[in-house]
PDB file of N, CA and C in Angstrom:
ATOM      1  N   MET A   1     -75.461 192.466 293.492  1.00  0.00           N
ATOM      2  CA  MET A   1     -76.133 191.256 293.057  1.00  0.00           C
ATOM      3  C   MET A   1     -76.999 190.749 294.202  1.00  0.00           C
ATOM      4  N   LYS A   2     -78.282 190.618 293.974  1.00  0.00           N
ATOM      5  CA  LYS A   2     -79.197 190.080 294.973  1.00  0.00           C
ATOM      6  C   LYS A   2     -79.465 188.617 294.667  1.00  0.00           C
ATOM      7  N   VAL A   3     -79.324 187.766 295.665  1.00  0.00           N
ATOM      8  CA  VAL A   3     -79.528 186.329 295.494  1.00  0.00           C
ATOM      9  C   VAL A   3     -80.469 185.858 296.586  1.00  0.00           C
ATOM     10  N   ASN A   4     -81.353 184.933 296.255  1.00  0.00           N
ATOM     11  CA  ASN A   4     -82.257 184.345 297.234  1.00  0.00           C
ATOM     12  C   ASN A   4     -81.444 183.738 298.371  1.00  0.00           C
ATOM     13  N   ARG A   5     -81.732 184.107 299.611  1.00  0.00           N
ATOM     14  CA  ARG A   5     -80.959 183.635 300.757  1.00  0.00           C
ATOM     15  C   ARG A   5     -81.278 182.193 301.144  1.00  0.00           C
ATOM     16  N   SER A   6     -82.289 181.580 300.568  1.00  0.00           N
ATOM     17  CA  SER A   6     -82.673 180.230 300.974  1.00  0.00           C
ATOM     18  C   SER A   6     -81.903 179.173 300.184  1.00  0.00           C
ATOM     19  N   LEU A   7     -80.576 179.246 300.200  1.00  0.00           N
ATOM     20  CA  LEU A   7     -79.749 178.299 299.447  1.00  0.00           C
ATOM     21  C   LEU A   7     -79.957 176.869 299.911  1.00  0.00           C
ATOM     22  N   MET A   8     -80.285 176.668 301.180  1.00  0.00           N
ATOM     23  CA  MET A   8     -80.401 175.312 301.704  1.00  0.00           C
ATOM     24  C   MET A   8     -81.618 174.574 301.153  1.00  0.00           C
ATOM     25  N   THR A   9     -82.552 175.285 300.533  1.00  0.00           N
ATOM     26  CA  THR A   9     -83.715 174.620 299.955  1.00  0.00           C
ATOM     27  C   THR A   9     -83.553 174.408 298.456  1.00  0.00           C
ATOM     28  N   ARG A  10     -82.458 174.855 297.889  1.00  0.00           N
ATOM     29  CA  ARG A  10     -82.215 174.695 296.459  1.00  0.00           C
ATOM     30  C   ARG A  10     -81.541 173.364 296.177  1.00  0.00           C
ATOM     31  N   THR A  11     -81.653 172.907 294.930  1.00  0.00           N
ATOM     32  CA  THR A  11     -80.928 171.693 294.534  1.00  0.00           C
ATOM     33  C   THR A  11     -79.534 172.031 294.043  1.00  0.00           C
ATOM     34  N   GLY A  12     -79.243 173.302 293.808  1.00  0.00           N
ATOM     35  CA  GLY A  12     -77.907 173.703 293.412  1.00  0.00           C
ATOM     36  C   GLY A  12     -77.861 175.119 292.886  1.00  0.00           C
ATOM     37  N   PHE A  13     -76.653 175.631 292.759  1.00  0.00           N
ATOM     38  CA  PHE A  13     -76.429 176.929 292.144  1.00  0.00           C
ATOM     39  C   PHE A  13     -74.975 176.986 291.696  1.00  0.00           C
ATOM     40  N   TYR A  14     -74.682 177.908 290.812  1.00  0.00           N
ATOM     41  CA  TYR A  14     -73.309 178.104 290.376  1.00  0.00           C
ATOM     42  C   TYR A  14     -73.133 179.550 289.959  1.00  0.00           C
ATOM     43  N   THR A  15     -71.877 179.978 289.853  1.00  0.00           N
ATOM     44  CA  THR A  15     -71.555 181.315 289.398  1.00  0.00           C
ATOM     45  C   THR A  15     -70.154 181.303 288.814  1.00  0.00           C
ATOM     46  N   LYS A  16     -69.833 182.328 288.080  1.00  0.00           N
ATOM     47  CA  LYS A  16     -68.494 182.486 287.522  1.00  0.00           C
ATOM     48  C   LYS A  16     -67.782 183.570 288.317  1.00  0.00           C
ATOM     49  N   VAL A  17     -66.551 183.268 288.741  1.00  0.00           N
ATOM     50  CA  VAL A  17     -65.729 184.221 289.478  1.00  0.00           C
ATOM     51  C   VAL A  17     -64.428 184.355 288.700  1.00  0.00           C
ATOM     52  N   GLY A  18     -64.239 185.479 288.041  1.00  0.00           N
ATOM     53  CA  GLY A  18     -63.071 185.616 287.173  1.00  0.00           C
ATOM     54  C   GLY A  18     -63.160 184.580 286.072  1.00  0.00           C
ATOM     55  N   THR A  19     -62.177 183.682 286.007  1.00  0.00           N
ATOM     56  CA  THR A  19     -62.200 182.608 285.005  1.00  0.00           C
ATOM     57  C   THR A  19     -62.686 181.290 285.588  1.00  0.00           C
ATOM     58  N   ASP A  20     -63.042 181.269 286.872  1.00  0.00           N
ATOM     59  CA  ASP A  20     -63.451 180.038 287.555  1.00  0.00           C
ATOM     60  C   ASP A  20     -64.969 179.908 287.628  1.00  0.00           C
ATOM     61  N   MET A  21     -65.455 178.678 287.471  1.00  0.00           N
ATOM     62  CA  MET A  21     -66.860 178.347 287.717  1.00  0.00           C
ATOM     63  C   MET A  21     -66.910 177.617 289.051  1.00  0.00           C
ATOM     64  N   ILE A  22     -67.759 178.094 289.957  1.00  0.00           N
ATOM     65  CA  ILE A  22     -67.909 177.426 291.249  1.00  0.00           C
ATOM     66  C   ILE A  22     -69.388 177.201 291.514  1.00  0.00           C
ATOM     67  N   GLY A  23     -69.696 176.183 292.300  1.00  0.00           N
ATOM     68  CA  GLY A  23     -71.089 175.932 292.632  1.00  0.00           C
ATOM     69  C   GLY A  23     -71.252 174.788 293.603  1.00  0.00           C
ATOM     70  N   ILE A  24     -72.482 174.614 294.036  1.00  0.00           N
ATOM     71  CA  ILE A  24     -72.862 173.533 294.941  1.00  0.00           C
ATOM     72  C   ILE A  24     -74.120 172.898 294.366  1.00  0.00           C
ATOM     73  N   TYR A  25     -74.196 171.570 294.446  1.00  0.00           N
ATOM     74  CA  TYR A  25     -75.391 170.875 293.983  1.00  0.00           C
ATOM     75  C   TYR A  25     -75.641 169.659 294.864  1.00  0.00           C
ATOM     76  N   LEU A  26     -76.886 169.231 294.906  1.00  0.00           N
ATOM     77  CA  LEU A  26     -77.249 168.031 295.645  1.00  0.00           C
ATOM     78  C   LEU A  26     -77.172 166.843 294.700  1.00  0.00           C
ATOM     79  N   SER A  27     -76.517 165.773 295.151  1.00  0.00           N
ATOM     80  CA  SER A  27     -76.429 164.544 294.361  1.00  0.00           C
ATOM     81  C   SER A  27     -77.031 163.409 295.181  1.00  0.00           C
ATOM     82  N   SER A  28     -77.137 162.242 294.584  1.00  0.00           N
ATOM     83  CA  SER A  28     -77.669 161.090 295.322  1.00  0.00           C
ATOM     84  C   SER A  28     -76.741 160.680 296.465  1.00  0.00           C
ATOM     85  N   GLU A  29     -75.456 161.078 296.392  1.00  0.00           N
ATOM     86  CA  GLU A  29     -74.501 160.785 297.473  1.00  0.00           C
ATOM     87  C   GLU A  29     -74.412 161.917 298.494  1.00  0.00           C
ATOM     88  N   GLY A  30     -75.163 162.985 298.309  1.00  0.00           N
ATOM     89  CA  GLY A  30     -75.118 164.124 299.219  1.00  0.00           C
ATOM     90  C   GLY A  30     -74.620 165.368 298.501  1.00  0.00           C
ATOM     91  N   PRO A  31     -74.452 166.468 299.240  1.00  0.00           N
ATOM     92  CA  PRO A  31     -74.058 167.731 298.614  1.00  0.00           C
ATOM     93  C   PRO A  31     -72.621 167.692 298.106  1.00  0.00           C
ATOM     94  N   LYS A  32     -72.409 168.328 296.968  1.00  0.00           N
ATOM     95  CA  LYS A  32     -71.087 168.424 296.346  1.00  0.00           C
ATOM     96  C   LYS A  32     -70.818 169.884 296.015  1.00  0.00           C
ATOM     97  N   MET A  33     -69.563 170.261 296.105  1.00  0.00           N
ATOM     98  CA  MET A  33     -69.127 171.580 295.660  1.00  0.00           C
ATOM     99  C   MET A  33     -68.176 171.362 294.500  1.00  0.00           C
ATOM    100  N   PHE A  34     -68.243 172.229 293.500  1.00  0.00           N
ATOM    101  CA  PHE A  34     -67.271 172.122 292.418  1.00  0.00           C
ATOM    102  C   PHE A  34     -66.595 173.462 292.189  1.00  0.00           C
ATOM    103  N   ILE A  35     -65.337 173.373 291.804  1.00  0.00           N
ATOM    104  CA  ILE A  35     -64.550 174.517 291.373  1.00  0.00           C
ATOM    105  C   ILE A  35     -63.942 174.081 290.045  1.00  0.00           C
ATOM    106  N   ASN A  36     -64.428 174.664 288.970  1.00  0.00           N
ATOM    107  CA  ASN A  36     -64.078 174.229 287.615  1.00  0.00           C
ATOM    108  C   ASN A  36     -64.396 172.748 287.475  1.00  0.00           C
ATOM    109  N   ARG A  37     -63.431 171.898 287.183  1.00  0.00           N
ATOM    110  CA  ARG A  37     -63.698 170.467 286.982  1.00  0.00           C
ATOM    111  C   ARG A  37     -63.439 169.632 288.232  1.00  0.00           C
ATOM    112  N   GLU A  38     -63.019 170.257 289.305  1.00  0.00           N
ATOM    113  CA  GLU A  38     -62.727 169.535 290.547  1.00  0.00           C
ATOM    114  C   GLU A  38     -63.976 169.512 291.434  1.00  0.00           C
ATOM    115  N   THR A  39     -64.339 168.337 291.936  1.00  0.00           N
ATOM    116  CA  THR A  39     -65.546 168.166 292.747  1.00  0.00           C
ATOM    117  C   THR A  39     -65.163 167.753 294.161  1.00  0.00           C
ATOM    118  N   PHE A  40     -65.876 168.295 295.148  1.00  0.00           N
ATOM    119  CA  PHE A  40     -65.598 168.032 296.558  1.00  0.00           C
ATOM    120  C   PHE A  40     -66.862 167.507 297.235  1.00  0.00           C
ATOM    121  N   ASP A  41     -66.753 166.368 297.884  1.00  0.00           N
ATOM    122  CA  ASP A  41     -67.856 165.739 298.603  1.00  0.00           C
ATOM    123  C   ASP A  41     -67.991 166.420 299.961  1.00  0.00           C
ATOM    124  N   LEU A  42     -69.063 167.168 300.154  1.00  0.00           N
ATOM    125  CA  LEU A  42     -69.225 167.925 301.395  1.00  0.00           C
ATOM    126  C   LEU A  42     -69.638 167.057 302.575  1.00  0.00           C
ATOM    127  N   GLN A  43     -69.849 165.757 302.353  1.00  0.00           N
ATOM    128  CA  GLN A  43     -70.080 164.856 303.482  1.00  0.00           C
ATOM    129  C   GLN A  43     -68.755 164.359 304.054  1.00  0.00           C
ATOM    130  N   ASN A  44     -67.675 164.549 303.316  1.00  0.00           N
ATOM    131  CA  ASN A  44     -66.343 164.199 303.789  1.00  0.00           C
ATOM    132  C   ASN A  44     -65.903 165.283 304.783  1.00  0.00           C
ATOM    133  N   PRO A  45     -65.442 164.913 305.976  1.00  0.00           N
ATOM    134  CA  PRO A  45     -65.115 165.913 306.993  1.00  0.00           C
ATOM    135  C   PRO A  45     -63.803 166.658 306.768  1.00  0.00           C
ATOM    136  N   CYS A  46     -63.126 166.456 305.642  1.00  0.00           N
ATOM    137  CA  CYS A  46     -61.807 167.077 305.477  1.00  0.00           C
ATOM    138  C   CYS A  46     -61.864 168.475 304.871  1.00  0.00           C
ATOM    139  N   TRP A  47     -63.029 169.098 304.803  1.00  0.00           N
ATOM    140  CA  TRP A  47     -63.124 170.449 304.272  1.00  0.00           C
ATOM    141  C   TRP A  47     -63.424 171.446 305.386  1.00  0.00           C
ATOM    142  N   ASP A  48     -63.138 172.706 305.100  1.00  0.00           N
ATOM    143  CA  ASP A  48     -63.430 173.781 306.042  1.00  0.00           C
ATOM    144  C   ASP A  48     -63.677 175.051 305.235  1.00  0.00           C
ATOM    145  N   VAL A  49     -64.326 175.999 305.843  1.00  0.00           N
ATOM    146  CA  VAL A  49     -64.593 177.279 305.204  1.00  0.00           C
ATOM    147  C   VAL A  49     -64.313 178.372 306.230  1.00  0.00           C
ATOM    148  N   GLU A  50     -63.798 179.497 305.748  1.00  0.00           N
ATOM    149  CA  GLU A  50     -63.424 180.598 306.634  1.00  0.00           C
ATOM    150  C   GLU A  50     -63.833 181.911 305.979  1.00  0.00           C
ATOM    151  N   MET A  51     -64.343 182.836 306.789  1.00  0.00           N
ATOM    152  CA  MET A  51     -64.664 184.163 306.281  1.00  0.00           C
ATOM    153  C   MET A  51     -63.990 185.194 307.165  1.00  0.00           C
ATOM    154  N   VAL A  52     -63.223 186.080 306.537  1.00  0.00           N
ATOM    155  CA  VAL A  52     -62.598 187.200 307.231  1.00  0.00           C
ATOM    156  C   VAL A  52     -63.360 188.441 306.795  1.00  0.00           C
ATOM    157  N   MET A  53     -63.975 189.109 307.770  1.00  0.00           N
ATOM    158  CA  MET A  53     -64.803 190.269 307.462  1.00  0.00           C
ATOM    159  C   MET A  53     -63.986 191.542 307.638  1.00  0.00           C
ATOM    160  N   GLY A  54     -64.000 192.382 306.611  1.00  0.00           N
ATOM    161  CA  GLY A  54     -63.310 193.660 306.663  1.00  0.00           C
ATOM    162  C   GLY A  54     -64.298 194.809 306.604  1.00  0.00           C
ATOM    163  N   LYS A  55     -63.771 196.020 306.629  1.00  0.00           N
ATOM    164  CA  LYS A  55     -64.637 197.201 306.581  1.00  0.00           C
ATOM    165  C   LYS A  55     -65.285 197.386 305.214  1.00  0.00           C
ATOM    166  N   THR A  56     -64.552 197.042 304.152  1.00  0.00           N
ATOM    167  CA  THR A  56     -65.082 197.282 302.807  1.00  0.00           C
ATOM    168  C   THR A  56     -65.345 196.013 302.016  1.00  0.00           C
ATOM    169  N   ASN A  57     -64.802 194.864 302.460  1.00  0.00           N
ATOM    170  CA  ASN A  57     -65.056 193.607 301.755  1.00  0.00           C
ATOM    171  C   ASN A  57     -64.801 192.421 302.677  1.00  0.00           C
ATOM    172  N   HIS A  58     -65.149 191.242 302.189  1.00  0.00           N
ATOM    173  CA  HIS A  58     -64.934 189.990 302.928  1.00  0.00           C
ATOM    174  C   HIS A  58     -63.985 189.109 302.124  1.00  0.00           C
ATOM    175  N   LEU A  59     -63.264 188.233 302.819  1.00  0.00           N
ATOM    176  CA  LEU A  59     -62.439 187.219 302.175  1.00  0.00           C
ATOM    177  C   LEU A  59     -62.985 185.866 302.608  1.00  0.00           C
ATOM    178  N   ILE A  60     -63.440 185.073 301.645  1.00  0.00           N
ATOM    179  CA  ILE A  60     -64.002 183.754 301.935  1.00  0.00           C
ATOM    180  C   ILE A  60     -63.080 182.707 301.326  1.00  0.00           C
ATOM    181  N   SER A  61     -62.639 181.753 302.155  1.00  0.00           N
ATOM    182  CA  SER A  61     -61.722 180.707 301.702  1.00  0.00           C
ATOM    183  C   SER A  61     -62.334 179.339 301.960  1.00  0.00           C
ATOM    184  N   PHE A  62     -62.157 178.439 300.986  1.00  0.00           N
ATOM    185  CA  PHE A  62     -62.601 177.054 301.088  1.00  0.00           C
ATOM    186  C   PHE A  62     -61.358 176.180 301.106  1.00  0.00           C
ATOM    187  N   TYR A  63     -61.255 175.308 302.121  1.00  0.00           N
ATOM    188  CA  TYR A  63     -60.101 174.432 302.293  1.00  0.00           C
ATOM    189  C   TYR A  63     -60.514 172.979 302.085  1.00  0.00           C
ATOM    190  N   TRP A  64     -59.638 172.216 301.440  1.00  0.00           N
ATOM    191  CA  TRP A  64     -59.829 170.775 301.284  1.00  0.00           C
ATOM    192  C   TRP A  64     -58.556 170.097 301.780  1.00  0.00           C
ATOM    193  N   CYS A  65     -58.682 169.287 302.837  1.00  0.00           N
ATOM    194  CA  CYS A  65     -57.526 168.611 303.455  1.00  0.00           C
ATOM    195  C   CYS A  65     -56.428 169.615 303.795  1.00  0.00           C
ATOM    196  N   GLY A  66     -56.825 170.776 304.302  1.00  0.00           N
ATOM    197  CA  GLY A  66     -55.886 171.808 304.719  1.00  0.00           C
ATOM    198  C   GLY A  66     -55.348 172.684 303.606  1.00  0.00           C
ATOM    199  N   GLU A  67     -55.659 172.379 302.363  1.00  0.00           N
ATOM    200  CA  GLU A  67     -55.167 173.145 301.216  1.00  0.00           C
ATOM    201  C   GLU A  67     -56.247 174.119 300.742  1.00  0.00           C
ATOM    202  N   VAL A  68     -55.850 175.368 300.495  1.00  0.00           N
ATOM    203  CA  VAL A  68     -56.799 176.360 299.986  1.00  0.00           C
ATOM    204  C   VAL A  68     -57.157 175.998 298.549  1.00  0.00           C
ATOM    205  N   LYS A  69     -58.438 175.774 298.308  1.00  0.00           N
ATOM    206  CA  LYS A  69     -58.922 175.467 296.963  1.00  0.00           C
ATOM    207  C   LYS A  69     -59.591 176.675 296.319  1.00  0.00           C
ATOM    208  N   LEU A  70     -60.105 177.581 297.145  1.00  0.00           N
ATOM    209  CA  LEU A  70     -60.776 178.772 296.639  1.00  0.00           C
ATOM    210  C   LEU A  70     -60.637 179.868 297.675  1.00  0.00           C
ATOM    211  N   SER A  71     -60.239 181.038 297.221  1.00  0.00           N
ATOM    212  CA  SER A  71     -60.185 182.207 298.089  1.00  0.00           C
ATOM    213  C   SER A  71     -60.750 183.368 297.278  1.00  0.00           C
ATOM    214  N   VAL A  72     -61.852 183.925 297.752  1.00  0.00           N
ATOM    215  CA  VAL A  72     -62.578 184.947 297.009  1.00  0.00           C
ATOM    216  C   VAL A  72     -62.745 186.177 297.882  1.00  0.00           C
ATOM    217  N   ARG A  73     -62.349 187.317 297.346  1.00  0.00           N
ATOM    218  CA  ARG A  73     -62.603 188.594 298.016  1.00  0.00           C
ATOM    219  C   ARG A  73     -63.861 189.172 297.390  1.00  0.00           C
ATOM    220  N   CYS A  74     -64.826 189.546 298.223  1.00  0.00           N
ATOM    221  CA  CYS A  74     -66.082 190.063 297.684  1.00  0.00           C
ATOM    222  C   CYS A  74     -66.513 191.316 298.425  1.00  0.00           C
ATOM    223  N   GLU A  75     -67.314 192.108 297.732  1.00  0.00           N
ATOM    224  CA  GLU A  75     -67.876 193.325 298.308  1.00  0.00           C
ATOM    225  C   GLU A  75     -68.817 192.963 299.454  1.00  0.00           C
ATOM    226  N   LEU A  76     -69.032 193.880 300.362  1.00  0.00           N
ATOM    227  CA  LEU A  76     -69.941 193.641 301.482  1.00  0.00           C
ATOM    228  C   LEU A  76     -71.344 193.287 301.003  1.00  0.00           C
ATOM    229  N   GLU A  77     -71.756 193.860 299.873  1.00  0.00           N
ATOM    230  CA  GLU A  77     -73.114 193.646 299.371  1.00  0.00           C
ATOM    231  C   GLU A  77     -73.259 192.362 298.570  1.00  0.00           C
ATOM    232  N   ASN A  78     -72.198 191.610 298.345  1.00  0.00           N
ATOM    233  CA  ASN A  78     -72.274 190.408 297.512  1.00  0.00           C
ATOM    234  C   ASN A  78     -72.939 189.286 298.290  1.00  0.00           C
ATOM    235  N   GLU A  79     -74.250 189.169 298.119  1.00  0.00           N
ATOM    236  CA  GLU A  79     -75.038 188.184 298.860  1.00  0.00           C
ATOM    237  C   GLU A  79     -74.665 186.747 298.509  1.00  0.00           C
ATOM    238  N   LEU A  80     -74.202 186.510 297.286  1.00  0.00           N
ATOM    239  CA  LEU A  80     -73.915 185.140 296.865  1.00  0.00           C
ATOM    240  C   LEU A  80     -72.848 184.502 297.740  1.00  0.00           C
ATOM    241  N   PHE A  81     -71.728 185.168 297.940  1.00  0.00           N
ATOM    242  CA  PHE A  81     -70.640 184.544 298.680  1.00  0.00           C
ATOM    243  C   PHE A  81     -70.889 184.521 300.178  1.00  0.00           C
ATOM    244  N   VAL A  82     -71.580 185.509 300.696  1.00  0.00           N
ATOM    245  CA  VAL A  82     -71.950 185.466 302.111  1.00  0.00           C
ATOM    246  C   VAL A  82     -72.938 184.322 302.333  1.00  0.00           C
ATOM    247  N   SER A  83     -73.898 184.152 301.413  1.00  0.00           N
ATOM    248  CA  SER A  83     -74.842 183.035 301.510  1.00  0.00           C
ATOM    249  C   SER A  83     -74.126 181.701 301.373  1.00  0.00           C
ATOM    250  N   LEU A  84     -73.131 181.618 300.483  1.00  0.00           N
ATOM    251  CA  LEU A  84     -72.343 180.394 300.330  1.00  0.00           C
ATOM    252  C   LEU A  84     -71.626 180.063 301.635  1.00  0.00           C
ATOM    253  N   TYR A  85     -71.044 181.066 302.262  1.00  0.00           N
ATOM    254  CA  TYR A  85     -70.360 180.849 303.539  1.00  0.00           C
ATOM    255  C   TYR A  85     -71.345 180.314 304.582  1.00  0.00           C
ATOM    256  N   HIS A  86     -72.512 180.924 304.682  1.00  0.00           N
ATOM    257  CA  HIS A  86     -73.505 180.473 305.667  1.00  0.00           C
ATOM    258  C   HIS A  86     -73.998 179.061 305.354  1.00  0.00           C
ATOM    259  N   TYR A  87     -74.190 178.752 304.076  1.00  0.00           N
ATOM    260  CA  TYR A  87     -74.614 177.405 303.687  1.00  0.00           C
ATOM    261  C   TYR A  87     -73.567 176.381 304.111  1.00  0.00           C
ATOM    262  N   LEU A  88     -72.310 176.647 303.793  1.00  0.00           N
ATOM    263  CA  LEU A  88     -71.245 175.713 304.161  1.00  0.00           C
ATOM    264  C   LEU A  88     -71.100 175.624 305.676  1.00  0.00           C
ATOM    265  N   GLY A  89     -71.281 176.745 306.373  1.00  0.00           N
ATOM    266  CA  GLY A  89     -71.228 176.728 307.833  1.00  0.00           C
ATOM    267  C   GLY A  89     -72.319 175.858 308.429  1.00  0.00           C
ATOM    268  N   CYS A  90     -73.516 175.914 307.856  1.00  0.00           N
ATOM    269  CA  CYS A  90     -74.609 175.054 308.330  1.00  0.00           C
ATOM    270  C   CYS A  90     -74.305 173.595 308.056  1.00  0.00           C
ATOM    271  N   ARG A  91     -73.675 173.289 306.912  1.00  0.00           N
ATOM    272  CA  ARG A  91     -73.302 171.905 306.602  1.00  0.00           C
ATOM    273  C   ARG A  91     -72.304 171.405 307.644  1.00  0.00           C
ATOM    274  N   THR A  92     -71.375 172.256 308.068  1.00  0.00           N
ATOM    275  CA  THR A  92     -70.390 171.873 309.083  1.00  0.00           C
ATOM    276  C   THR A  92     -71.089 171.568 310.396  1.00  0.00           C
ATOM    277  N   ASN A  93     -72.030 172.415 310.797  1.00  0.00           N
ATOM    278  CA  ASN A  93     -72.758 172.192 312.048  1.00  0.00           C
ATOM    279  C   ASN A  93     -73.567 170.907 311.994  1.00  0.00           C
ATOM    280  N   GLU A  94     -74.197 170.609 310.846  1.00  0.00           N
ATOM    281  CA  GLU A  94     -74.969 169.368 310.710  1.00  0.00           C
ATOM    282  C   GLU A  94     -74.067 168.154 310.865  1.00  0.00           C
ATOM    283  N   GLN A  95     -72.855 168.213 310.312  1.00  0.00           N
ATOM    284  CA  GLN A  95     -71.930 167.083 310.419  1.00  0.00           C
ATOM    285  C   GLN A  95     -71.493 166.885 311.864  1.00  0.00           C
ATOM    286  N   ARG A  96     -71.276 167.976 312.593  1.00  0.00           N
ATOM    287  CA  ARG A  96     -70.849 167.870 313.988  1.00  0.00           C
ATOM    288  C   ARG A  96     -71.946 167.277 314.858  1.00  0.00           C
ATOM    289  N   LEU A  97     -73.208 167.583 314.510  1.00  0.00           N
ATOM    290  CA  LEU A  97     -74.328 167.087 315.301  1.00  0.00           C
ATOM    291  C   LEU A  97     -74.666 165.637 314.983  1.00  0.00           C
ATOM    292  N   ALA A  98     -74.239 165.155 313.818  1.00  0.00           N
ATOM    293  CA  ALA A  98     -74.575 163.778 313.401  1.00  0.00           C
ATOM    294  C   ALA A  98     -73.758 162.743 314.155  1.00  0.00           C
TER     295      ALA A  98
END
């Protein structure tokens, strides 16, 4: 799956992973991430993202207040989840610099 790498210039995106719908969108209160019907305010500092890189796939996990909310194993070529990780990583850096 090829996805445009410029996620930071988009107003949002979403995808289906198994039975889950996940995505990120810009709102008037700032960026939000959703997993099914649960929404997470990415301006709140209580979230984190982690990527474990393997030889054949990656494991990307999203944490909210220390609790794993999403853990996705993806192929090395899956640009969507690698781009999601980089987008969330940039959001973390912006918060630290603010």
